[in-house]
Amino acid sequence: MSLELAKKYFSFWASKDIDSLSHLIANTCVLDDWENYFESKSEILDFYQNVFLENNIQLKILNMSENNSIVYTHLYLVINNLEIEVVDILTFKNNKITNIKAFKK
């Protein structure tokens, strides 16, 4: 179940669909990446909105695996011609993302 929700999350993220992302992210979700730390759904969505407005983004999922309620995803991103490999770890509870941890290669 979490794997399918993660696929939706990345699809919505790649298409810059804030409204659909909002339905997947828990109100108390934490996002922690190599440059940012946010502790609420509203902060995360505001951050995403700014990223989406300011950047041309392409996303390709290289690999995904699920262990209980955690999904590990190896991603290839192109943001304004900058190529980045990332591993995202999404934690789910009650079909909502409660934690997003991202590591840049």
PDB file of N, CA and C in Angstrom:
ATOM      1  N   MET A   1       0.820  -1.199   0.000  1.00  0.00           N
ATOM      2  CA  MET A   1       0.000   0.000   0.000  1.00  0.00           C
ATOM      3  C   MET A   1       0.861   1.259   0.000  1.00  0.00           C
ATOM      4  N   SER A   2       1.871   1.320   0.873  1.00  0.00           N
ATOM      5  CA  SER A   2       2.732   2.501   0.952  1.00  0.00           C
ATOM      6  C   SER A   2       3.489   2.726  -0.356  1.00  0.00           C
ATOM      7  N   LEU A   3       3.881   1.648  -1.023  1.00  0.00           N
ATOM      8  CA  LEU A   3       4.601   1.767  -2.282  1.00  0.00           C
ATOM      9  C   LEU A   3       3.746   2.488  -3.331  1.00  0.00           C
ATOM     10  N   GLU A   4       2.483   2.137  -3.414  1.00  0.00           N
ATOM     11  CA  GLU A   4       1.591   2.796  -4.375  1.00  0.00           C
ATOM     12  C   GLU A   4       1.391   4.270  -4.033  1.00  0.00           C
ATOM     13  N   LEU A   5       1.270   4.575  -2.735  1.00  0.00           N
ATOM     14  CA  LEU A   5       1.144   5.971  -2.317  1.00  0.00           C
ATOM     15  C   LEU A   5       2.415   6.756  -2.633  1.00  0.00           C
ATOM     16  N   ALA A   6       3.568   6.123  -2.458  1.00  0.00           N
ATOM     17  CA  ALA A   6       4.834   6.791  -2.785  1.00  0.00           C
ATOM     18  C   ALA A   6       4.923   7.083  -4.282  1.00  0.00           C
ATOM     19  N   LYS A   7       4.487   6.149  -5.105  1.00  0.00           N
ATOM     20  CA  LYS A   7       4.477   6.381  -6.558  1.00  0.00           C
ATOM     21  C   LYS A   7       3.597   7.576  -6.898  1.00  0.00           C
ATOM     22  N   LYS A   8       2.448   7.674  -6.241  1.00  0.00           N
ATOM     23  CA  LYS A   8       1.572   8.826  -6.458  1.00  0.00           C
ATOM     24  C   LYS A   8       2.254  10.120  -6.020  1.00  0.00           C
ATOM     25  N   TYR A   9       2.895  10.081  -4.855  1.00  0.00           N
ATOM     26  CA  TYR A   9       3.594  11.260  -4.341  1.00  0.00           C
ATOM     27  C   TYR A   9       4.608  11.771  -5.368  1.00  0.00           C
ATOM     28  N   PHE A  10       5.447  10.880  -5.893  1.00  0.00           N
ATOM     29  CA  PHE A  10       6.472  11.310  -6.843  1.00  0.00           C
ATOM     30  C   PHE A  10       5.857  11.758  -8.171  1.00  0.00           C
ATOM     31  N   SER A  11       4.786  11.138  -8.580  1.00  0.00           N
ATOM     32  CA  SER A  11       4.088  11.580  -9.781  1.00  0.00           C
ATOM     33  C   SER A  11       3.523  12.991  -9.594  1.00  0.00           C
ATOM     34  N   PHE A  12       2.893  13.226  -8.457  1.00  0.00           N
ATOM     35  CA  PHE A  12       2.360  14.560  -8.159  1.00  0.00           C
ATOM     36  C   PHE A  12       3.488  15.583  -8.046  1.00  0.00           C
ATOM     37  N   TRP A  13       4.595  15.183  -7.423  1.00  0.00           N
ATOM     38  CA  TRP A  13       5.735  16.082  -7.263  1.00  0.00           C
ATOM     39  C   TRP A  13       6.310  16.460  -8.624  1.00  0.00           C
ATOM     40  N   ALA A  14       6.485  15.463  -9.498  1.00  0.00           N
ATOM     41  CA  ALA A  14       7.048  15.698 -10.832  1.00  0.00           C
ATOM     42  C   ALA A  14       6.149  16.587 -11.679  1.00  0.00           C
ATOM     43  N   SER A  15       4.841  16.485 -11.454  1.00  0.00           N
ATOM     44  CA  SER A  15       3.906  17.313 -12.228  1.00  0.00           C
ATOM     45  C   SER A  15       3.554  18.615 -11.507  1.00  0.00           C
ATOM     46  N   LYS A  16       4.217  18.868 -10.375  1.00  0.00           N
ATOM     47  CA  LYS A  16       4.054  20.110  -9.607  1.00  0.00           C
ATOM     48  C   LYS A  16       2.614  20.305  -9.136  1.00  0.00           C
ATOM     49  N   ASP A  17       1.965  19.214  -8.736  1.00  0.00           N
ATOM     50  CA  ASP A  17       0.557  19.217  -8.339  1.00  0.00           C
ATOM     51  C   ASP A  17       0.433  19.376  -6.815  1.00  0.00           C
ATOM     52  N   ILE A  18       0.448  20.625  -6.367  1.00  0.00           N
ATOM     53  CA  ILE A  18       0.396  20.944  -4.937  1.00  0.00           C
ATOM     54  C   ILE A  18      -0.885  20.420  -4.289  1.00  0.00           C
ATOM     55  N   ASP A  19      -2.015  20.551  -4.967  1.00  0.00           N
ATOM     56  CA  ASP A  19      -3.286  20.118  -4.379  1.00  0.00           C
ATOM     57  C   ASP A  19      -3.290  18.618  -4.083  1.00  0.00           C
ATOM     58  N   SER A  20      -2.811  17.834  -5.016  1.00  0.00           N
ATOM     59  CA  SER A  20      -2.769  16.385  -4.800  1.00  0.00           C
ATOM     60  C   SER A  20      -1.731  16.007  -3.745  1.00  0.00           C
ATOM     61  N   LEU A  21      -0.591  16.696  -3.738  1.00  0.00           N
ATOM     62  CA  LEU A  21       0.414  16.453  -2.700  1.00  0.00           C
ATOM     63  C   LEU A  21      -0.169  16.724  -1.318  1.00  0.00           C
ATOM     64  N   SER A  22      -0.980  17.749  -1.225  1.00  0.00           N
ATOM     65  CA  SER A  22      -1.590  18.130   0.047  1.00  0.00           C
ATOM     66  C   SER A  22      -2.405  16.991   0.650  1.00  0.00           C
ATOM     67  N   HIS A  23      -3.031  16.183  -0.197  1.00  0.00           N
ATOM     68  CA  HIS A  23      -3.852  15.072   0.283  1.00  0.00           C
ATOM     69  C   HIS A  23      -3.016  13.892   0.793  1.00  0.00           C
ATOM     70  N   LEU A  24      -1.756  13.828   0.386  1.00  0.00           N
ATOM     71  CA  LEU A  24      -0.896  12.715   0.789  1.00  0.00           C
ATOM     72  C   LEU A  24      -0.038  13.019   2.018  1.00  0.00           C
ATOM     73  N   ILE A  25       0.148  14.295   2.318  1.00  0.00           N
ATOM     74  CA  ILE A  25       1.061  14.694   3.385  1.00  0.00           C
ATOM     75  C   ILE A  25       0.291  14.958   4.672  1.00  0.00           C
ATOM     76  N   ALA A  26       0.733  14.346   5.758  1.00  0.00           N
ATOM     77  CA  ALA A  26       0.105  14.543   7.068  1.00  0.00           C
ATOM     78  C   ALA A  26       0.379  15.965   7.574  1.00  0.00           C
ATOM     79  N   ASN A  27      -0.529  16.479   8.391  1.00  0.00           N
ATOM     80  CA  ASN A  27      -0.379  17.834   8.932  1.00  0.00           C
ATOM     81  C   ASN A  27       0.905  18.018   9.721  1.00  0.00           C
ATOM     82  N   THR A  28       1.357  16.966  10.386  1.00  0.00           N
ATOM     83  CA  THR A  28       2.555  17.053  11.229  1.00  0.00           C
ATOM     84  C   THR A  28       3.780  16.432  10.551  1.00  0.00           C
ATOM     85  N   CYS A  29       3.758  16.336   9.258  1.00  0.00           N
ATOM     86  CA  CYS A  29       4.877  15.755   8.508  1.00  0.00           C
ATOM     87  C   CYS A  29       6.153  16.574   8.718  1.00  0.00           C
ATOM     88  N   VAL A  30       7.275  15.869   8.733  1.00  0.00           N
ATOM     89  CA  VAL A  30       8.593  16.504   8.814  1.00  0.00           C
ATOM     90  C   VAL A  30       9.335  16.217   7.515  1.00  0.00           C
ATOM     91  N   LEU A  31       9.917  17.262   6.920  1.00  0.00           N
ATOM     92  CA  LEU A  31      10.789  17.109   5.766  1.00  0.00           C
ATOM     93  C   LEU A  31      12.188  17.531   6.183  1.00  0.00           C
ATOM     94  N   ASP A  32      13.148  16.648   5.942  1.00  0.00           N
ATOM     95  CA  ASP A  32      14.537  16.902   6.305  1.00  0.00           C
ATOM     96  C   ASP A  32      15.395  16.495   5.112  1.00  0.00           C
ATOM     97  N   ASP A  33      16.013  17.493   4.445  1.00  0.00           N
ATOM     98  CA  ASP A  33      16.899  17.171   3.338  1.00  0.00           C
ATOM     99  C   ASP A  33      18.263  17.802   3.576  1.00  0.00           C
ATOM    100  N   TRP A  34      19.108  17.778   2.585  1.00  0.00           N
ATOM    101  CA  TRP A  34      20.491  18.248   2.749  1.00  0.00           C
ATOM    102  C   TRP A  34      20.587  19.758   2.926  1.00  0.00           C
ATOM    103  N   GLU A  35      19.502  20.508   2.736  1.00  0.00           N
ATOM    104  CA  GLU A  35      19.539  21.966   2.909  1.00  0.00           C
ATOM    105  C   GLU A  35      18.400  22.508   3.763  1.00  0.00           C
ATOM    106  N   ASN A  36      17.352  21.753   4.003  1.00  0.00           N
ATOM    107  CA  ASN A  36      16.141  22.270   4.618  1.00  0.00           C
ATOM    108  C   ASN A  36      15.607  21.356   5.712  1.00  0.00           C
ATOM    109  N   TYR A  37      14.836  21.971   6.598  1.00  0.00           N
ATOM    110  CA  TYR A  37      14.134  21.216   7.632  1.00  0.00           C
ATOM    111  C   TYR A  37      12.808  21.920   7.892  1.00  0.00           C
ATOM    112  N   PHE A  38      11.705  21.199   7.702  1.00  0.00           N
ATOM    113  CA  PHE A  38      10.363  21.752   7.930  1.00  0.00           C
ATOM    114  C   PHE A  38       9.570  20.785   8.797  1.00  0.00           C
ATOM    115  N   GLU A  39       8.699  21.331   9.650  1.00  0.00           N
ATOM    116  CA  GLU A  39       7.966  20.504  10.613  1.00  0.00           C
ATOM    117  C   GLU A  39       6.457  20.540  10.465  1.00  0.00           C
ATOM    118  N   SER A  40       5.974  20.959   9.307  1.00  0.00           N
ATOM    119  CA  SER A  40       4.519  20.951   9.118  1.00  0.00           C
ATOM    120  C   SER A  40       4.180  20.852   7.635  1.00  0.00           C
ATOM    121  N   LYS A  41       3.010  20.365   7.380  1.00  0.00           N
ATOM    122  CA  LYS A  41       2.503  20.238   6.018  1.00  0.00           C
ATOM    123  C   LYS A  41       2.510  21.598   5.317  1.00  0.00           C
ATOM    124  N   SER A  42       2.071  22.649   6.005  1.00  0.00           N
ATOM    125  CA  SER A  42       1.999  23.966   5.365  1.00  0.00           C
ATOM    126  C   SER A  42       3.385  24.475   4.989  1.00  0.00           C
ATOM    127  N   GLU A  43       4.379  24.258   5.851  1.00  0.00           N
ATOM    128  CA  GLU A  43       5.753  24.674   5.527  1.00  0.00           C
ATOM    129  C   GLU A  43       6.287  23.891   4.330  1.00  0.00           C
ATOM    130  N   ILE A  44       6.019  22.606   4.301  1.00  0.00           N
ATOM    131  CA  ILE A  44       6.487  21.760   3.202  1.00  0.00           C
ATOM    132  C   ILE A  44       5.841  22.184   1.886  1.00  0.00           C
ATOM    133  N   LEU A  45       4.537  22.387   1.911  1.00  0.00           N
ATOM    134  CA  LEU A  45       3.842  22.783   0.680  1.00  0.00           C
ATOM    135  C   LEU A  45       4.274  24.161   0.201  1.00  0.00           C
ATOM    136  N   ASP A  46       4.524  25.087   1.115  1.00  0.00           N
ATOM    137  CA  ASP A  46       5.046  26.408   0.727  1.00  0.00           C
ATOM    138  C   ASP A  46       6.420  26.266   0.073  1.00  0.00           C
ATOM    139  N   PHE A  47       7.261  25.431   0.671  1.00  0.00           N
ATOM    140  CA  PHE A  47       8.590  25.174   0.108  1.00  0.00           C
ATOM    141  C   PHE A  47       8.471  24.571  -1.292  1.00  0.00           C
ATOM    142  N   TYR A  48       7.639  23.554  -1.448  1.00  0.00           N
ATOM    143  CA  TYR A  48       7.447  22.928  -2.759  1.00  0.00           C
ATOM    144  C   TYR A  48       6.934  23.941  -3.773  1.00  0.00           C
ATOM    145  N   GLN A  49       5.983  24.754  -3.368  1.00  0.00           N
ATOM    146  CA  GLN A  49       5.421  25.749  -4.289  1.00  0.00           C
ATOM    147  C   GLN A  49       6.521  26.671  -4.814  1.00  0.00           C
ATOM    148  N   ASN A  50       7.397  27.120  -3.939  1.00  0.00           N
ATOM    149  CA  ASN A  50       8.500  27.983  -4.365  1.00  0.00           C
ATOM    150  C   ASN A  50       9.461  27.244  -5.292  1.00  0.00           C
ATOM    151  N   VAL A  51       9.778  26.010  -4.959  1.00  0.00           N
ATOM    152  CA  VAL A  51      10.663  25.206  -5.810  1.00  0.00           C
ATOM    153  C   VAL A  51      10.026  25.029  -7.188  1.00  0.00           C
ATOM    154  N   PHE A  52       8.747  24.724  -7.223  1.00  0.00           N
ATOM    155  CA  PHE A  52       8.061  24.485  -8.483  1.00  0.00           C
ATOM    156  C   PHE A  52       7.987  25.748  -9.341  1.00  0.00           C
ATOM    157  N   LEU A  53       7.757  26.888  -8.722  1.00  0.00           N
ATOM    158  CA  LEU A  53       7.631  28.148  -9.465  1.00  0.00           C
ATOM    159  C   LEU A  53       8.960  28.596 -10.063  1.00  0.00           C
ATOM    160  N   GLU A  54      10.048  28.317  -9.364  1.00  0.00           N
ATOM    161  CA  GLU A  54      11.347  28.862  -9.742  1.00  0.00           C
ATOM    162  C   GLU A  54      12.202  27.928 -10.585  1.00  0.00           C
ATOM    163  N   ASN A  55      11.761  26.686 -10.801  1.00  0.00           N
ATOM    164  CA  ASN A  55      12.639  25.707 -11.429  1.00  0.00           C
ATOM    165  C   ASN A  55      11.945  24.841 -12.466  1.00  0.00           C
ATOM    166  N   ASN A  56      12.731  24.455 -13.454  1.00  0.00           N
ATOM    167  CA  ASN A  56      12.319  23.425 -14.400  1.00  0.00           C
ATOM    168  C   ASN A  56      12.797  22.097 -13.812  1.00  0.00           C
ATOM    169  N   ILE A  57      11.887  21.152 -13.631  1.00  0.00           N
ATOM    170  CA  ILE A  57      12.205  19.916 -12.914  1.00  0.00           C
ATOM    171  C   ILE A  57      11.815  18.687 -13.733  1.00  0.00           C
ATOM    172  N   GLN A  58      12.731  17.713 -13.749  1.00  0.00           N
ATOM    173  CA  GLN A  58      12.432  16.389 -14.298  1.00  0.00           C
ATOM    174  C   GLN A  58      12.809  15.369 -13.236  1.00  0.00           C
ATOM    175  N   LEU A  59      12.011  14.347 -13.100  1.00  0.00           N
ATOM    176  CA  LEU A  59      12.235  13.328 -12.075  1.00  0.00           C
ATOM    177  C   LEU A  59      12.092  11.949 -12.694  1.00  0.00           C
ATOM    178  N   LYS A  60      13.035  11.091 -12.378  1.00  0.00           N
ATOM    179  CA  LYS A  60      12.967   9.693 -12.822  1.00  0.00           C
ATOM    180  C   LYS A  60      13.238   8.802 -11.615  1.00  0.00           C
ATOM    181  N   ILE A  61      12.353   7.859 -11.366  1.00  0.00           N
ATOM    182  CA  ILE A  61      12.539   6.886 -10.290  1.00  0.00           C
ATOM    183  C   ILE A  61      13.432   5.765 -10.809  1.00  0.00           C
ATOM    184  N   LEU A  62      14.552   5.567 -10.134  1.00  0.00           N
ATOM    185  CA  LEU A  62      15.477   4.506 -10.525  1.00  0.00           C
ATOM    186  C   LEU A  62      15.169   3.196  -9.825  1.00  0.00           C
ATOM    187  N   ASN A  63      14.726   3.292  -8.563  1.00  0.00           N
ATOM    188  CA  ASN A  63      14.441   2.092  -7.787  1.00  0.00           C
ATOM    189  C   ASN A  63      13.572   2.464  -6.589  1.00  0.00           C
ATOM    190  N   MET A  64      12.670   1.569  -6.225  1.00  0.00           N
ATOM    191  CA  MET A  64      11.834   1.758  -5.039  1.00  0.00           C
ATOM    192  C   MET A  64      11.728   0.435  -4.306  1.00  0.00           C
ATOM    193  N   SER A  65      11.740   0.525  -2.977  1.00  0.00           N
ATOM    194  CA  SER A  65      11.471  -0.666  -2.179  1.00  0.00           C
ATOM    195  C   SER A  65      10.705  -0.255  -0.935  1.00  0.00           C
ATOM    196  N   GLU A  66       9.977  -1.220  -0.396  1.00  0.00           N
ATOM    197  CA  GLU A  66       9.113  -0.957   0.754  1.00  0.00           C
ATOM    198  C   GLU A  66       9.443  -1.931   1.877  1.00  0.00           C
ATOM    199  N   ASN A  67       9.488  -1.406   3.082  1.00  0.00           N
ATOM    200  CA  ASN A  67       9.655  -2.233   4.263  1.00  0.00           C
ATOM    201  C   ASN A  67       8.667  -1.720   5.305  1.00  0.00           C
ATOM    202  N   ASN A  68       7.628  -2.491   5.548  1.00  0.00           N
ATOM    203  CA  ASN A  68       6.541  -2.077   6.444  1.00  0.00           C
ATOM    204  C   ASN A  68       5.940  -0.769   5.947  1.00  0.00           C
ATOM    205  N   SER A  69       6.029   0.293   6.701  1.00  0.00           N
ATOM    206  CA  SER A  69       5.405   1.563   6.309  1.00  0.00           C
ATOM    207  C   SER A  69       6.434   2.577   5.813  1.00  0.00           C
ATOM    208  N   ILE A  70       7.604   2.090   5.401  1.00  0.00           N
ATOM    209  CA  ILE A  70       8.673   2.965   4.913  1.00  0.00           C
ATOM    210  C   ILE A  70       8.997   2.601   3.468  1.00  0.00           C
ATOM    211  N   VAL A  71       9.093   3.642   2.621  1.00  0.00           N
ATOM    212  CA  VAL A  71       9.443   3.440   1.217  1.00  0.00           C
ATOM    213  C   VAL A  71      10.765   4.146   0.932  1.00  0.00           C
ATOM    214  N   TYR A  72      11.700   3.400   0.359  1.00  0.00           N
ATOM    215  CA  TYR A  72      13.015   3.912  -0.012  1.00  0.00           C
ATOM    216  C   TYR A  72      13.017   4.099  -1.529  1.00  0.00           C
ATOM    217  N   THR A  73      13.384   5.297  -1.975  1.00  0.00           N
ATOM    218  CA  THR A  73      13.340   5.594  -3.403  1.00  0.00           C
ATOM    219  C   THR A  73      14.639   6.243  -3.852  1.00  0.00           C
ATOM    220  N   HIS A  74      15.248   5.644  -4.859  1.00  0.00           N
ATOM    221  CA  HIS A  74      16.435   6.199  -5.493  1.00  0.00           C
ATOM    222  C   HIS A  74      15.949   6.975  -6.711  1.00  0.00           C
ATOM    223  N   LEU A  75      16.255   8.277  -6.725  1.00  0.00           N
ATOM    224  CA  LEU A  75      15.745   9.175  -7.760  1.00  0.00           C
ATOM    225  C   LEU A  75      16.871   9.816  -8.555  1.00  0.00           C
ATOM    226  N   TYR A  76      16.557  10.137  -9.780  1.00  0.00           N
ATOM    227  CA  TYR A  76      17.433  10.954 -10.610  1.00  0.00           C
ATOM    228  C   TYR A  76      16.642  12.217 -10.937  1.00  0.00           C
ATOM    229  N   LEU A  77      17.171  13.364 -10.519  1.00  0.00           N
ATOM    230  CA  LEU A  77      16.502  14.642 -10.757  1.00  0.00           C
ATOM    231  C   LEU A  77      17.341  15.512 -11.677  1.00  0.00           C
ATOM    232  N   VAL A  78      16.659  16.278 -12.517  1.00  0.00           N
ATOM    233  CA  VAL A  78      17.297  17.346 -13.270  1.00  0.00           C
ATOM    234  C   VAL A  78      16.535  18.609 -12.899  1.00  0.00           C
ATOM    235  N   ILE A  79      17.252  19.533 -12.257  1.00  0.00           N
ATOM    236  CA  ILE A  79      16.653  20.805 -11.853  1.00  0.00           C
ATOM    237  C   ILE A  79      17.450  21.904 -12.533  1.00  0.00           C
ATOM    238  N   ASN A  80      16.792  22.564 -13.502  1.00  0.00           N
ATOM    239  CA  ASN A  80      17.460  23.622 -14.279  1.00  0.00           C
ATOM    240  C   ASN A  80      18.810  23.150 -14.826  1.00  0.00           C
ATOM    241  N   ASN A  81      18.820  21.994 -15.448  1.00  0.00           N
ATOM    242  CA  ASN A  81      20.007  21.402 -16.075  1.00  0.00           C
ATOM    243  C   ASN A  81      21.047  20.885 -15.082  1.00  0.00           C
ATOM    244  N   LEU A  82      20.774  20.951 -13.782  1.00  0.00           N
ATOM    245  CA  LEU A  82      21.653  20.376 -12.769  1.00  0.00           C
ATOM    246  C   LEU A  82      21.172  18.961 -12.459  1.00  0.00           C
ATOM    247  N   GLU A  83      22.035  17.974 -12.677  1.00  0.00           N
ATOM    248  CA  GLU A  83      21.680  16.573 -12.458  1.00  0.00           C
ATOM    249  C   GLU A  83      22.026  16.180 -11.026  1.00  0.00           C
ATOM    250  N   ILE A  84      21.053  15.559 -10.340  1.00  0.00           N
ATOM    251  CA  ILE A  84      21.218  15.181  -8.941  1.00  0.00           C
ATOM    252  C   ILE A  84      20.667  13.775  -8.733  1.00  0.00           C
ATOM    253  N   GLU A  85      21.428  12.959  -8.009  1.00  0.00           N
ATOM    254  CA  GLU A  85      20.907  11.674  -7.553  1.00  0.00           C
ATOM    255  C   GLU A  85      20.514  11.826  -6.092  1.00  0.00           C
ATOM    256  N   VAL A  86      19.350  11.305  -5.750  1.00  0.00           N
ATOM    257  CA  VAL A  86      18.793  11.484  -4.412  1.00  0.00           C
ATOM    258  C   VAL A  86      18.201  10.160  -3.942  1.00  0.00           C
ATOM    259  N   VAL A  87      18.287   9.922  -2.642  1.00  0.00           N
ATOM    260  CA  VAL A  87      17.539   8.839  -2.017  1.00  0.00           C
ATOM    261  C   VAL A  87      16.538   9.488  -1.064  1.00  0.00           C
ATOM    262  N   ASP A  88      15.280   9.212  -1.270  1.00  0.00           N
ATOM    263  CA  ASP A  88      14.212   9.692  -0.392  1.00  0.00           C
ATOM    264  C   ASP A  88      13.699   8.524   0.440  1.00  0.00           C
ATOM    265  N   ILE A  89      13.484   8.784   1.705  1.00  0.00           N
ATOM    266  CA  ILE A  89      12.877   7.806   2.600  1.00  0.00           C
ATOM    267  C   ILE A  89      11.560   8.401   3.076  1.00  0.00           C
ATOM    268  N   LEU A  90      10.459   7.783   2.676  1.00  0.00           N
ATOM    269  CA  LEU A  90       9.121   8.254   3.047  1.00  0.00           C
ATOM    270  C   LEU A  90       8.532   7.310   4.086  1.00  0.00           C
ATOM    271  N   THR A  91       8.061   7.885   5.183  1.00  0.00           N
ATOM    272  CA  THR A  91       7.398   7.106   6.224  1.00  0.00           C
ATOM    273  C   THR A  91       5.912   7.408   6.182  1.00  0.00           C
ATOM    274  N   PHE A  92       5.099   6.350   6.243  1.00  0.00           N
ATOM    275  CA  PHE A  92       3.646   6.489   6.147  1.00  0.00           C
ATOM    276  C   PHE A  92       2.961   6.041   7.432  1.00  0.00           C
ATOM    277  N   LYS A  93       1.870   6.712   7.740  1.00  0.00           N
ATOM    278  CA  LYS A  93       0.974   6.287   8.817  1.00  0.00           C
ATOM    279  C   LYS A  93      -0.437   6.694   8.407  1.00  0.00           C
ATOM    280  N   ASN A  94      -1.368   5.762   8.495  1.00  0.00           N
ATOM    281  CA  ASN A  94      -2.763   6.015   8.105  1.00  0.00           C
ATOM    282  C   ASN A  94      -2.865   6.587   6.687  1.00  0.00           C
ATOM    283  N   ASN A  95      -2.073   6.023   5.767  1.00  0.00           N
ATOM    284  CA  ASN A  95      -2.073   6.401   4.356  1.00  0.00           C
ATOM    285  C   ASN A  95      -1.658   7.846   4.095  1.00  0.00           C
ATOM    286  N   LYS A  96      -0.896   8.414   5.021  1.00  0.00           N
ATOM    287  CA  LYS A  96      -0.360   9.775   4.860  1.00  0.00           C
ATOM    288  C   LYS A  96       1.150   9.728   5.082  1.00  0.00           C
ATOM    289  N   ILE A  97       1.873  10.603   4.416  1.00  0.00           N
ATOM    290  CA  ILE A  97       3.309  10.709   4.628  1.00  0.00           C
ATOM    291  C   ILE A  97       3.543  11.507   5.902  1.00  0.00           C
ATOM    292  N   THR A  98       4.281  10.911   6.835  1.00  0.00           N
ATOM    293  CA  THR A  98       4.556  11.580   8.103  1.00  0.00           C
ATOM    294  C   THR A  98       5.998  12.057   8.213  1.00  0.00           C
ATOM    295  N   ASN A  99       6.867  11.515   7.342  1.00  0.00           N
ATOM    296  CA  ASN A  99       8.264  11.936   7.373  1.00  0.00           C
ATOM    297  C   ASN A  99       8.874  11.766   5.986  1.00  0.00           C
ATOM    298  N   ILE A 100       9.621  12.788   5.565  1.00  0.00           N
ATOM    299  CA  ILE A 100      10.350  12.749   4.296  1.00  0.00           C
ATOM    300  C   ILE A 100      11.807  13.071   4.612  1.00  0.00           C
ATOM    301  N   LYS A 101      12.679  12.104   4.374  1.00  0.00           N
ATOM    302  CA  LYS A 101      14.110  12.307   4.597  1.00  0.00           C
ATOM    303  C   LYS A 101      14.795  12.124   3.249  1.00  0.00           C
ATOM    304  N   ALA A 102      15.564  13.139   2.828  1.00  0.00           N
ATOM    305  CA  ALA A 102      16.207  13.094   1.511  1.00  0.00           C
ATOM    306  C   ALA A 102      17.717  13.252   1.654  1.00  0.00           C
ATOM    307  N   PHE A 103      18.436  12.399   0.922  1.00  0.00           N
ATOM    308  CA  PHE A 103      19.902  12.420   0.910  1.00  0.00           C
ATOM    309  C   PHE A 103      20.378  12.643  -0.516  1.00  0.00           C
ATOM    310  N   LYS A 104      21.267  13.578  -0.710  1.00  0.00           N
ATOM    311  CA  LYS A 104      21.832  13.859  -2.027  1.00  0.00           C
ATOM    312  C   LYS A 104      23.158  13.137  -2.163  1.00  0.00           C
ATOM    313  N   LYS A 105      23.376  12.520  -3.317  1.00  0.00           N
ATOM    314  CA  LYS A 105      24.645  11.822  -3.574  1.00  0.00           C
ATOM    315  C   LYS A 105      25.742  12.832  -3.844  1.00  0.00           C
TER     316      LYS A 105
END
